[in-house]
Amino acid sequence: MQQNKVGEPKLFKLFGHFSLVLLLSASALNAQTFEDFKRSEAESFQKYKDERDNEFNNYLKAEWKAYRVEQGVDLYEKPKPKEITPAQPIQIKSVGPKISIKVKEIQYIKPESVKKIQPQEEPLRSVSEPQAEKPDIEIAKEVEEPVRVTKKDINFEFFGSSLAFNIPDGMKSARFYPQNQKGITNFFESAALSEYEEFIKEIQQVSKTMNLNDWGVYLLVIQVSDKVFSNPDDSKLLSWFLFNKLGYAVKVGLADNHVVVMHYSKKTIYSTPNYSFDAKKFYVVSNYAKGSVGQLFSYKQNYPGANKPMDLSLLELPNFELDIKSKTLSFVQYGKTYNVPYEYNQNLIDFMATYPQADYETFFNAPIEDRTYTSIATAIKEHVDGKQASDAMNFVLNFVQNSFAYQRDNQQFGREKVMFAQETLYFDKSDCEDRAVLFSYLIKELFGVGVLGVKYKDHMATALYIPMEGDYVEAGSRKFVVADPTYINASIGQSMPKYKPQRPESFIVIKNN
């Protein structure tokens, strides 16, 4: 073997040169890769229009934990009575001042005289200020059909309104793939890197124009997501992304390799599976009255700044397109038949039918639409004006008792469903809490009387803060006289014999407007 001057084999020397070249080349390569990596990371960060997305994306990539499902609680401990035995009518003592109900007449302007709603305009109010020359008349503008838009990526009907949205390309191409945690981060990255800002603004503008509460926004986002994606998992991930961007506290999880979306609510949503994150309950609203979801894997952190709970309160009604229909309710009191005709918007009824089982305060404190209340109040006024207060209120109690057939929710709907007062008027059958909701609203609006919902383990009644004799309940230091809208033919002050000795489980506070 040939050797060099110091006796090293020439092959070793050549190898040494070769190794040095490799080392230098590798160093240069590593340096270049590191610089490219840093630049790539910087560019990736800059691509996110919202710096919260980068932070949240890191949350999503961290190890997820298992969370156990908590079954939704029921509204009642015991089933409500299957049948109600009518009461023996008692002629109450006439007390109180003579009644003269004030009803503000609603004059509806025809749609062609109303300016069309433009995207950036304030929504039309359902009722304007009273005219000076006619203090008891209000002018209500019928919300006209929104300006028709050219065909966009998605077009659909939303409670009578034609809506259309363009979807950002990056968002349309987002997919839940692979079907695991990585697939969720992939979907989020695609959506977050898309031109989503204008899309979010359009959803916010439609929500404002239509005066949607949180439940209305929920339905709008769900319908948008379902129109964009036919795959349920992709649709749920899009809704999750949109809700977070709208500021709602929403989480996503995985159960059996499928997506589960959970909404935070401060108040209980009954019959709905839920999960606890730091003592806060997140509800799988899509599974209301549909059974459990089981254990899932999810993350602890909320999307930064998205802390708004889902609030199911319905203190103002949404501005839906008008689909006006009419109905007449009839009942008999002391052998005489009375008719109460009224009008209603079918789109509003359809919206209320979608509601999950919220707390009782939500239903007791929701309004009746103006045209419906005005119709009913006008009919009642015709029959009670000039009567003493006790007789007038008893007339309204008999109206609610006898205008509907009694049937439990499970028989009528296949599930527990508390109705809004507007719904109780619409359906031919109802049970105890539905009538309590309707009666309490009418008694409060017509007479300005304080009223409570009175809940037992298997029944709901009401009680009035009035100076009358009869059965009563104590709430704090005050006595409220029982008025039971389900106890057929009973007068104010008559409790069902079964509940007369029982202490109510709770009271529902009904707010004055």
Protein backbone atom coordinates (compact mmCIF):
# COMPACT_ATOMS: atom_id res chain seq x y z
CA MET A 1 0.00 0.00 0.00
CA GLN A 2 1.39 3.41 -0.90
CA GLN A 3 2.08 5.64 2.12
CA ASN A 4 2.53 9.38 2.53
CA LYS A 5 5.52 11.16 4.06
CA VAL A 6 4.37 10.62 7.67
CA GLY A 7 3.59 7.02 7.04
CA GLU A 8 -0.22 7.32 6.81
CA PRO A 9 -1.90 5.17 4.23
CA LYS A 10 -2.90 7.30 1.23
CA LEU A 11 -6.41 5.85 1.32
CA PHE A 12 -6.93 7.18 4.83
CA LYS A 13 -5.78 10.63 3.72
CA LEU A 14 -8.22 10.62 0.82
CA PHE A 15 -10.96 9.45 3.15
CA GLY A 16 -10.15 12.26 5.50
CA HIS A 17 -10.52 14.85 2.72
CA PHE A 18 -13.77 13.25 1.66
CA SER A 19 -15.12 13.29 5.19
CA LEU A 20 -14.23 16.93 5.59
CA VAL A 21 -16.07 17.79 2.39
CA LEU A 22 -19.10 15.85 3.59
CA LEU A 23 -19.02 17.57 6.96
CA LEU A 24 -18.78 21.03 5.42
CA SER A 25 -21.52 20.23 2.94
CA ALA A 26 -23.77 18.87 5.70
CA SER A 27 -23.14 21.96 7.81
CA ALA A 28 -24.03 24.23 4.94
CA LEU A 29 -27.12 22.16 4.23
CA ASN A 30 -28.19 22.23 7.87
CA ALA A 31 -27.64 25.97 8.06
CA GLN A 32 -29.70 26.52 4.94
CA THR A 33 -32.47 24.21 6.17
CA PHE A 34 -32.62 25.98 9.53
CA GLU A 35 -32.85 29.41 7.89
CA ASP A 36 -35.52 28.12 5.53
CA PHE A 37 -37.34 26.60 8.47
CA LYS A 38 -37.31 29.88 10.37
CA ARG A 39 -38.49 31.75 7.30
CA SER A 40 -41.19 29.17 6.68
CA GLU A 41 -42.40 29.43 10.26
CA ALA A 42 -42.47 33.21 10.03
CA GLU A 43 -44.40 33.09 6.77
CA SER A 44 -46.80 30.53 8.20
CA PHE A 45 -47.42 32.79 11.18
CA GLN A 46 -47.95 35.78 8.93
CA LYS A 47 -50.44 33.90 6.78
CA TYR A 48 -52.85 33.72 9.73
CA LYS A 49 -54.87 36.91 9.63
CA ASP A 50 -55.69 36.49 13.30
CA GLU A 51 -52.69 35.89 15.56
CA ARG A 52 -54.95 33.91 17.90
CA ASP A 53 -55.10 31.20 15.26
CA ASN A 54 -51.43 30.35 15.63
CA GLU A 55 -51.78 30.06 19.40
CA PHE A 56 -54.93 27.99 19.12
CA ASN A 57 -53.42 25.74 16.47
CA ASN A 58 -50.71 24.81 18.96
CA TYR A 59 -53.41 23.91 21.48
CA LEU A 60 -55.02 21.61 18.95
CA LYS A 61 -51.74 19.82 18.26
CA ALA A 62 -51.10 19.10 21.96
CA GLU A 63 -52.18 15.80 23.48
CA TRP A 64 -55.93 15.58 24.00
CA LYS A 65 -57.57 14.09 27.07
CA ALA A 66 -60.53 11.80 27.56
CA TYR A 67 -63.75 13.31 28.92
CA ARG A 68 -66.68 11.35 30.26
CA VAL A 69 -70.19 12.21 29.18
CA GLU A 70 -72.77 13.44 31.70
CA GLN A 71 -76.35 12.53 30.89
CA GLY A 72 -78.81 15.37 30.50
CA VAL A 73 -81.19 15.88 33.41
CA ASP A 74 -84.97 15.87 32.98
CA LEU A 75 -87.30 18.73 33.83
CA TYR A 76 -89.58 16.59 35.99
CA GLU A 77 -88.82 14.01 38.65
CA LYS A 78 -92.14 12.27 38.01
CA PRO A 79 -94.36 11.95 34.93
CA LYS A 80 -97.06 14.60 34.68
CA PRO A 81 -100.68 13.52 35.23
CA LYS A 82 -102.06 11.51 32.33
CA GLU A 83 -105.52 13.00 32.77
CA ILE A 84 -106.92 16.00 34.64
CA THR A 85 -110.24 15.67 36.45
CA PRO A 86 -112.23 18.91 35.94
CA ALA A 87 -113.12 21.02 38.95
CA GLN A 88 -116.58 21.79 40.22
CA PRO A 89 -117.02 25.45 39.20
CA ILE A 90 -117.20 27.91 42.07
CA GLN A 91 -118.64 31.37 41.56
CA ILE A 92 -115.93 33.66 42.92
CA LYS A 93 -116.64 36.83 44.84
CA SER A 94 -116.45 39.88 42.61
CA VAL A 95 -113.77 42.21 43.92
CA GLY A 96 -111.46 44.91 42.60
CA PRO A 97 -111.91 47.89 40.32
CA LYS A 98 -113.80 47.75 37.05
CA ILE A 99 -111.59 46.82 34.14
CA SER A 100 -110.95 48.76 30.94
CA ILE A 101 -108.23 47.05 28.91
CA LYS A 102 -106.10 49.30 26.75
CA VAL A 103 -105.10 47.72 23.47
CA LYS A 104 -102.82 49.53 21.05
CA GLU A 105 -104.11 49.00 17.56
CA ILE A 106 -101.42 47.86 15.15
CA GLN A 107 -101.71 49.39 11.68
CA TYR A 108 -99.64 47.38 9.20
CA ILE A 109 -98.12 49.17 6.25
CA LYS A 110 -98.19 47.26 3.01
CA PRO A 111 -94.77 45.92 1.96
CA GLU A 112 -94.53 47.99 -1.22
CA SER A 113 -94.47 51.18 0.85
CA VAL A 114 -91.59 49.98 2.99
CA LYS A 115 -88.02 50.61 1.94
CA LYS A 116 -86.09 47.45 1.19
CA ILE A 117 -83.55 46.33 3.77
CA GLN A 118 -80.06 46.97 2.48
CA PRO A 119 -77.16 44.94 3.90
CA GLN A 120 -75.70 47.80 5.94
CA GLU A 121 -78.94 49.33 7.18
CA GLU A 122 -80.35 48.97 10.67
CA PRO A 123 -83.10 46.31 10.84
CA LEU A 124 -86.68 47.54 10.72
CA ARG A 125 -88.38 47.68 14.08
CA SER A 126 -91.58 45.69 14.36
CA VAL A 127 -93.30 48.59 16.13
CA SER A 128 -92.51 52.29 15.83
CA GLU A 129 -93.24 55.05 18.31
CA PRO A 130 -96.96 55.90 18.75
CA GLN A 131 -98.28 58.75 16.60
CA ALA A 132 -98.85 61.91 18.58
CA GLU A 133 -102.42 62.38 17.37
CA LYS A 134 -103.36 58.74 18.10
CA PRO A 135 -101.68 57.73 21.39
CA ASP A 136 -103.29 54.28 21.42
CA ILE A 137 -102.21 53.35 17.88
CA GLU A 138 -98.85 51.96 16.90
CA ILE A 139 -97.50 51.65 13.37
CA ALA A 140 -95.81 48.35 12.65
CA LYS A 141 -93.80 47.93 9.48
CA GLU A 142 -94.05 44.55 7.90
CA VAL A 143 -90.54 43.37 7.13
CA GLU A 144 -90.34 43.12 3.39
CA GLU A 145 -88.56 40.42 1.53
CA PRO A 146 -84.83 41.23 1.49
CA VAL A 147 -83.24 42.35 -1.75
CA ARG A 148 -82.81 39.30 -3.95
CA VAL A 149 -79.18 38.56 -4.65
CA THR A 150 -77.52 36.87 -7.56
CA LYS A 151 -76.77 33.20 -7.15
CA LYS A 152 -73.82 32.58 -4.86
CA ASP A 153 -71.94 29.52 -3.63
CA ILE A 154 -74.81 28.56 -1.34
CA ASN A 155 -78.46 29.65 -1.48
CA PHE A 156 -81.18 28.56 0.95
CA GLU A 157 -84.40 29.52 2.70
CA PHE A 158 -84.18 30.53 6.35
CA PHE A 159 -87.63 30.83 7.94
CA GLY A 160 -89.05 32.47 4.83
CA SER A 161 -86.00 34.56 3.89
CA SER A 162 -83.84 33.76 0.86
CA LEU A 163 -80.19 33.91 1.94
CA ALA A 164 -77.01 33.48 -0.09
CA PHE A 165 -73.31 33.45 0.78
CA ASN A 166 -70.01 33.11 -1.06
CA ILE A 167 -67.62 30.72 0.67
CA PRO A 168 -63.84 31.37 0.70
CA ASP A 169 -61.91 28.89 -1.46
CA GLY A 170 -59.64 27.75 1.35
CA MET A 171 -62.65 27.08 3.52
CA LYS A 172 -64.43 25.11 0.82
CA SER A 173 -61.38 22.89 0.38
CA ALA A 174 -60.97 22.17 4.12
CA ARG A 175 -61.47 18.51 5.02
CA PHE A 176 -61.49 16.33 8.10
CA TYR A 177 -58.64 14.10 6.96
CA PRO A 178 -57.26 11.90 8.34
CA GLN A 179 -60.12 11.04 10.70
CA ASN A 180 -58.25 11.80 13.89
CA GLN A 181 -56.84 14.73 15.82
CA LYS A 182 -54.51 15.58 12.93
CA GLY A 183 -57.53 15.83 10.64
CA ILE A 184 -59.07 18.47 12.91
CA THR A 185 -55.89 20.56 12.91
CA ASN A 186 -55.70 20.20 9.13
CA PHE A 187 -59.27 21.49 8.78
CA PHE A 188 -58.61 24.39 11.14
CA GLU A 189 -55.44 25.41 9.29
CA SER A 190 -57.23 25.46 5.92
CA ALA A 191 -60.12 27.51 7.29
CA ALA A 192 -57.87 29.91 9.22
CA LEU A 193 -55.70 30.57 6.15
CA SER A 194 -58.73 31.34 3.97
CA GLU A 195 -60.19 34.78 3.23
CA TYR A 196 -62.92 34.27 5.83
CA GLU A 197 -63.32 37.83 7.20
CA GLU A 198 -66.02 39.00 4.79
CA PHE A 199 -67.91 35.73 5.24
CA ILE A 200 -68.01 36.22 9.02
CA LYS A 201 -69.17 39.83 8.58
CA GLU A 202 -72.02 38.71 6.32
CA ILE A 203 -73.22 36.20 8.93
CA GLN A 204 -73.08 38.92 11.60
CA GLN A 205 -74.99 41.35 9.37
CA VAL A 206 -77.74 38.84 8.60
CA SER A 207 -78.01 37.99 12.31
CA LYS A 208 -78.36 41.68 13.17
CA THR A 209 -80.86 42.45 10.42
CA MET A 210 -83.03 39.48 11.39
CA ASN A 211 -82.65 40.28 15.12
CA LEU A 212 -81.53 36.73 15.87
CA ASN A 213 -80.87 35.62 19.42
CA ASP A 214 -78.17 33.03 20.14
CA TRP A 215 -80.45 30.17 19.10
CA GLY A 216 -81.22 31.90 15.82
CA VAL A 217 -77.49 32.40 15.19
CA TYR A 218 -76.94 28.72 16.01
CA LEU A 219 -79.52 27.63 13.43
CA LEU A 220 -78.11 30.00 10.81
CA VAL A 221 -74.54 28.75 11.24
CA ILE A 222 -75.65 25.10 11.21
CA GLN A 223 -77.65 25.61 8.01
CA VAL A 224 -74.75 27.43 6.34
CA SER A 225 -72.34 24.64 7.31
CA ASP A 226 -74.66 21.91 6.07
CA LYS A 227 -74.99 23.70 2.74
CA VAL A 228 -71.21 23.97 2.33
CA PHE A 229 -70.46 20.35 3.28
CA SER A 230 -72.58 17.26 2.81
CA ASN A 231 -70.21 15.26 5.03
CA PRO A 232 -71.45 15.63 8.65
CA ASP A 233 -67.96 15.78 10.16
CA ASP A 234 -66.81 18.52 7.78
CA SER A 235 -70.02 20.45 8.42
CA LYS A 236 -69.56 20.24 12.19
CA LEU A 237 -65.96 21.43 11.93
CA LEU A 238 -67.01 24.42 9.83
CA SER A 239 -69.70 25.35 12.36
CA TRP A 240 -67.12 25.01 15.16
CA PHE A 241 -64.74 27.36 13.32
CA LEU A 242 -67.49 29.91 12.65
CA PHE A 243 -68.85 29.87 16.20
CA ASN A 244 -65.36 30.49 17.58
CA LYS A 245 -64.86 33.41 15.20
CA LEU A 246 -68.26 34.79 16.29
CA GLY A 247 -67.04 34.76 19.89
CA TYR A 248 -68.94 31.74 21.25
CA ALA A 249 -67.27 29.31 23.65
CA VAL A 250 -67.41 26.13 21.57
CA LYS A 251 -65.26 23.01 21.70
CA VAL A 252 -64.81 20.10 19.37
CA GLY A 253 -64.04 16.52 20.30
CA LEU A 254 -63.62 13.06 18.81
CA ALA A 255 -65.82 10.08 19.60
CA ASP A 256 -65.35 6.89 17.56
CA ASN A 257 -63.37 8.92 14.99
CA HIS A 258 -66.27 11.31 14.41
CA VAL A 259 -66.59 15.00 15.27
CA VAL A 260 -68.62 16.20 18.26
CA VAL A 261 -69.34 19.92 18.76
CA MET A 262 -70.04 21.20 22.29
CA HIS A 263 -71.51 24.60 23.27
CA TYR A 264 -70.97 26.26 26.64
CA SER A 265 -74.12 27.33 28.48
CA LYS A 266 -74.37 28.87 31.94
CA LYS A 267 -77.91 27.57 32.29
CA THR A 268 -78.97 23.94 32.06
CA ILE A 269 -80.08 22.63 28.68
CA TYR A 270 -82.23 19.67 29.66
CA SER A 271 -82.19 16.20 28.11
CA THR A 272 -78.87 17.03 26.42
CA PRO A 273 -75.57 15.15 26.93
CA ASN A 274 -72.78 17.39 28.20
CA TYR A 275 -69.14 17.47 29.28
CA SER A 276 -67.43 19.42 32.07
CA PHE A 277 -64.35 21.56 31.43
CA ASP A 278 -63.16 23.33 34.60
CA ALA A 279 -66.66 23.13 36.11
CA LYS A 280 -68.21 24.66 32.96
CA LYS A 281 -70.72 22.54 31.12
CA PHE A 282 -70.49 22.19 27.35
CA TYR A 283 -73.62 20.72 25.72
CA VAL A 284 -73.90 18.59 22.60
CA VAL A 285 -76.91 20.56 21.41
CA SER A 286 -77.24 18.51 18.23
CA ASN A 287 -77.99 15.48 20.43
CA TYR A 288 -80.84 17.10 22.35
CA ALA A 289 -83.38 14.36 23.17
CA LYS A 290 -81.41 11.90 21.01
CA GLY A 291 -79.40 10.00 23.60
CA SER A 292 -75.80 9.89 24.75
CA VAL A 293 -72.55 10.43 22.85
CA GLY A 294 -70.19 8.53 25.15
CA GLN A 295 -66.60 9.26 26.06
CA LEU A 296 -64.71 11.62 23.78
CA PHE A 297 -61.24 13.15 23.44
CA SER A 298 -60.88 16.92 23.46
CA TYR A 299 -58.75 19.86 24.60
CA LYS A 300 -59.04 22.10 27.64
CA GLN A 301 -58.39 25.57 26.22
CA ASN A 302 -61.02 27.77 24.59
CA TYR A 303 -60.27 29.60 21.39
CA PRO A 304 -58.67 32.86 22.68
CA GLY A 305 -61.33 35.47 23.34
CA ALA A 306 -64.24 33.16 22.47
CA ASN A 307 -65.92 33.00 25.87
CA LYS A 308 -69.55 33.85 25.10
CA PRO A 309 -72.01 31.24 26.40
CA MET A 310 -75.03 30.15 24.38
CA ASP A 311 -77.94 32.09 25.86
CA LEU A 312 -81.33 30.66 24.88
CA SER A 313 -83.29 33.65 26.22
CA LEU A 314 -85.85 35.00 23.74
CA LEU A 315 -86.58 38.50 25.03
CA GLU A 316 -87.25 39.90 21.55
CA LEU A 317 -88.71 38.08 18.58
CA PRO A 318 -86.72 37.68 15.35
CA ASN A 319 -87.64 39.61 12.20
CA PHE A 320 -88.80 36.81 9.93
CA GLU A 321 -90.61 37.04 6.63
CA LEU A 322 -94.38 37.07 7.05
CA ASP A 323 -96.43 33.97 6.38
CA ILE A 324 -99.65 35.13 8.00
CA LYS A 325 -102.30 32.62 8.97
CA SER A 326 -105.37 32.84 11.18
CA LYS A 327 -107.08 30.70 13.77
CA THR A 328 -110.08 30.98 16.10
CA LEU A 329 -110.11 29.59 19.63
CA SER A 330 -113.43 28.78 21.27
CA PHE A 331 -114.40 27.99 24.85
CA VAL A 332 -117.44 27.83 27.09
CA GLN A 333 -117.87 29.67 30.40
CA TYR A 334 -121.03 29.32 32.46
CA GLY A 335 -122.86 27.85 29.47
CA LYS A 336 -121.91 30.64 27.04
CA THR A 337 -119.58 30.11 24.05
CA TYR A 338 -116.88 32.66 23.29
CA ASN A 339 -114.71 32.95 20.17
CA VAL A 340 -111.23 34.46 20.12
CA PRO A 341 -109.81 34.91 16.58
CA TYR A 342 -106.18 35.85 15.99
CA GLU A 343 -103.43 35.98 13.36
CA TYR A 344 -99.90 34.57 13.56
CA ASN A 345 -96.71 34.22 11.52
CA GLN A 346 -96.07 30.58 10.59
CA ASN A 347 -92.32 31.24 10.22
CA LEU A 348 -92.14 32.20 13.88
CA ILE A 349 -93.95 29.01 14.89
CA ASP A 350 -91.48 26.96 12.83
CA PHE A 351 -88.55 28.69 14.54
CA MET A 352 -89.90 28.02 18.03
CA ALA A 353 -90.47 24.37 17.15
CA THR A 354 -86.68 23.89 16.85
CA TYR A 355 -85.94 24.97 20.43
CA PRO A 356 -84.19 22.59 22.81
CA GLN A 357 -85.36 22.25 26.40
CA ALA A 358 -84.17 25.45 28.04
CA ASP A 359 -84.88 26.59 31.61
CA TYR A 360 -88.43 27.68 32.47
CA GLU A 361 -87.49 31.36 32.72
CA THR A 362 -86.77 31.32 28.99
CA PHE A 363 -90.32 30.28 28.11
CA PHE A 364 -92.15 32.29 30.78
CA ASN A 365 -90.42 35.54 29.80
CA ALA A 366 -90.65 35.30 26.00
CA PRO A 367 -93.15 37.61 24.26
CA ILE A 368 -96.06 36.91 21.94
CA GLU A 369 -95.81 38.63 18.56
CA ASP A 370 -97.67 41.94 18.35
CA ARG A 371 -100.29 40.94 15.77
CA THR A 372 -101.25 37.85 17.79
CA TYR A 373 -101.43 39.60 21.15
CA THR A 374 -103.41 42.51 19.71
CA SER A 375 -105.98 40.14 18.19
CA ILE A 376 -106.46 38.22 21.43
CA ALA A 377 -106.42 41.27 23.70
CA THR A 378 -109.05 42.96 21.51
CA ALA A 379 -111.34 39.90 21.71
CA ILE A 380 -110.90 39.61 25.49
CA LYS A 381 -111.49 43.34 25.96
CA GLU A 382 -114.88 42.98 24.29
CA HIS A 383 -115.96 40.50 26.97
CA VAL A 384 -114.35 41.83 30.16
CA ASP A 385 -114.48 45.62 29.96
CA GLY A 386 -116.73 46.91 32.72
CA LYS A 387 -116.32 43.77 34.85
CA GLN A 388 -114.58 43.80 38.20
CA ALA A 389 -110.93 42.71 38.19
CA SER A 390 -111.55 39.29 39.77
CA ASP A 391 -114.19 38.38 37.15
CA ALA A 392 -112.07 39.67 34.27
CA MET A 393 -109.02 37.65 35.35
CA ASN A 394 -111.16 34.59 35.94
CA PHE A 395 -112.48 34.93 32.37
CA VAL A 396 -108.89 34.77 31.04
CA LEU A 397 -108.18 31.76 33.28
CA ASN A 398 -111.21 29.94 31.84
CA PHE A 399 -110.13 30.88 28.31
CA VAL A 400 -106.75 29.16 28.79
CA GLN A 401 -108.28 26.16 30.61
CA ASN A 402 -110.93 25.36 28.01
CA SER A 403 -109.55 26.42 24.62
CA PHE A 404 -107.21 23.42 24.34
CA ALA A 405 -107.35 19.68 24.95
CA TYR A 406 -104.99 18.31 27.61
CA GLN A 407 -102.22 16.01 26.41
CA ARG A 408 -98.75 15.31 27.77
CA ASP A 409 -95.72 16.20 25.66
CA ASN A 410 -94.53 12.62 25.26
CA GLN A 411 -97.85 11.74 23.66
CA GLN A 412 -97.93 14.80 21.42
CA PHE A 413 -94.25 15.22 20.49
CA GLY A 414 -92.55 12.03 21.63
CA ARG A 415 -90.40 14.05 24.06
CA GLU A 416 -90.68 16.66 26.78
CA LYS A 417 -91.30 20.08 25.21
CA VAL A 418 -92.17 23.29 26.98
CA MET A 419 -93.99 25.58 24.58
CA PHE A 420 -93.70 29.30 24.21
CA ALA A 421 -96.99 31.15 24.72
CA GLN A 422 -97.12 31.68 20.94
CA GLU A 423 -96.92 27.91 20.38
CA THR A 424 -99.56 27.08 22.97
CA LEU A 425 -102.01 29.24 21.06
CA TYR A 426 -101.06 27.45 17.84
CA PHE A 427 -101.40 23.82 18.95
CA ASP A 428 -104.77 22.26 19.73
CA LYS A 429 -103.31 20.27 22.64
CA SER A 430 -101.08 21.26 25.54
CA ASP A 431 -100.15 20.30 29.08
CA CYS A 432 -99.66 22.09 32.39
CA GLU A 433 -96.53 24.19 31.87
CA ASP A 434 -97.63 25.30 28.39
CA ARG A 435 -100.86 26.72 29.78
CA ALA A 436 -99.02 28.26 32.74
CA VAL A 437 -96.69 30.08 30.32
CA LEU A 438 -99.60 31.41 28.23
CA PHE A 439 -101.79 32.42 31.17
CA SER A 440 -98.97 34.19 33.00
CA TYR A 441 -98.15 36.25 29.90
CA LEU A 442 -101.75 37.30 29.31
CA ILE A 443 -102.46 38.12 32.94
CA LYS A 444 -99.29 40.21 33.19
CA GLU A 445 -99.88 42.12 29.94
CA LEU A 446 -103.65 42.63 30.26
CA PHE A 447 -103.86 43.52 33.95
CA GLY A 448 -100.32 44.34 35.08
CA VAL A 449 -100.56 41.73 37.83
CA GLY A 450 -97.54 40.09 39.47
CA VAL A 451 -97.44 36.37 38.69
CA LEU A 452 -95.26 33.34 39.49
CA GLY A 453 -94.86 29.93 37.93
CA VAL A 454 -95.44 27.31 40.63
CA LYS A 455 -93.59 24.05 39.98
CA TYR A 456 -94.31 20.73 41.70
CA LYS A 457 -92.50 17.47 41.03
CA ASP A 458 -95.00 16.52 38.35
CA HIS A 459 -97.08 19.63 37.71
CA MET A 460 -96.96 23.35 36.95
CA ALA A 461 -99.47 26.01 38.02
CA THR A 462 -99.36 29.77 38.49
CA ALA A 463 -100.09 32.12 41.38
CA LEU A 464 -101.14 35.78 41.34
CA TYR A 465 -100.16 38.61 43.66
CA ILE A 466 -103.71 39.90 44.18
CA PRO A 467 -105.96 40.57 47.22
CA MET A 468 -108.34 37.65 46.74
CA GLU A 469 -109.41 34.77 48.94
CA GLY A 470 -108.59 31.14 48.24
CA ASP A 471 -105.70 28.71 48.19
CA TYR A 472 -102.31 30.37 48.13
CA VAL A 473 -98.57 29.76 48.17
CA GLU A 474 -95.94 31.74 50.02
CA ALA A 475 -92.92 33.09 48.16
CA GLY A 476 -90.65 34.96 50.51
CA SER A 477 -92.84 37.12 52.71
CA ARG A 478 -95.67 37.44 50.19
CA LYS A 479 -98.76 35.37 49.54
CA PHE A 480 -99.75 34.53 45.96
CA VAL A 481 -103.25 33.23 45.20
CA VAL A 482 -103.25 30.02 43.13
CA ALA A 483 -104.61 30.12 39.59
CA ASP A 484 -104.25 26.78 37.82
CA PRO A 485 -104.72 26.96 34.02
CA THR A 486 -104.81 23.13 33.77
CA TYR A 487 -107.46 22.56 36.45
CA ILE A 488 -110.40 22.74 34.05
CA ASN A 489 -113.26 25.01 35.22
CA ALA A 490 -111.44 25.94 38.43
CA SER A 491 -111.63 29.56 39.53
CA ILE A 492 -108.85 31.71 40.89
CA GLY A 493 -108.06 30.43 44.40
CA GLN A 494 -108.79 26.76 43.62
CA SER A 495 -105.88 24.29 43.76
CA MET A 496 -106.06 20.69 42.57
CA PRO A 497 -106.75 18.57 45.68
CA LYS A 498 -103.53 16.58 45.08
CA TYR A 499 -101.31 19.69 45.24
CA LYS A 500 -103.12 21.72 47.84
CA PRO A 501 -101.16 20.21 50.79
CA GLN A 502 -97.85 20.04 48.89
CA ARG A 503 -95.05 22.55 49.15
CA PRO A 504 -93.97 23.72 45.66
CA GLU A 505 -90.59 22.51 44.47
CA SER A 506 -89.68 25.94 43.07
CA PHE A 507 -91.05 29.22 41.71
CA ILE A 508 -90.41 30.73 38.30
CA VAL A 509 -89.98 34.49 38.42
CA ILE A 510 -91.79 36.29 35.61
CA LYS A 511 -90.33 39.69 34.83
CA ASN A 512 -92.39 42.80 34.20
CA ASN A 513 -91.69 44.58 30.93
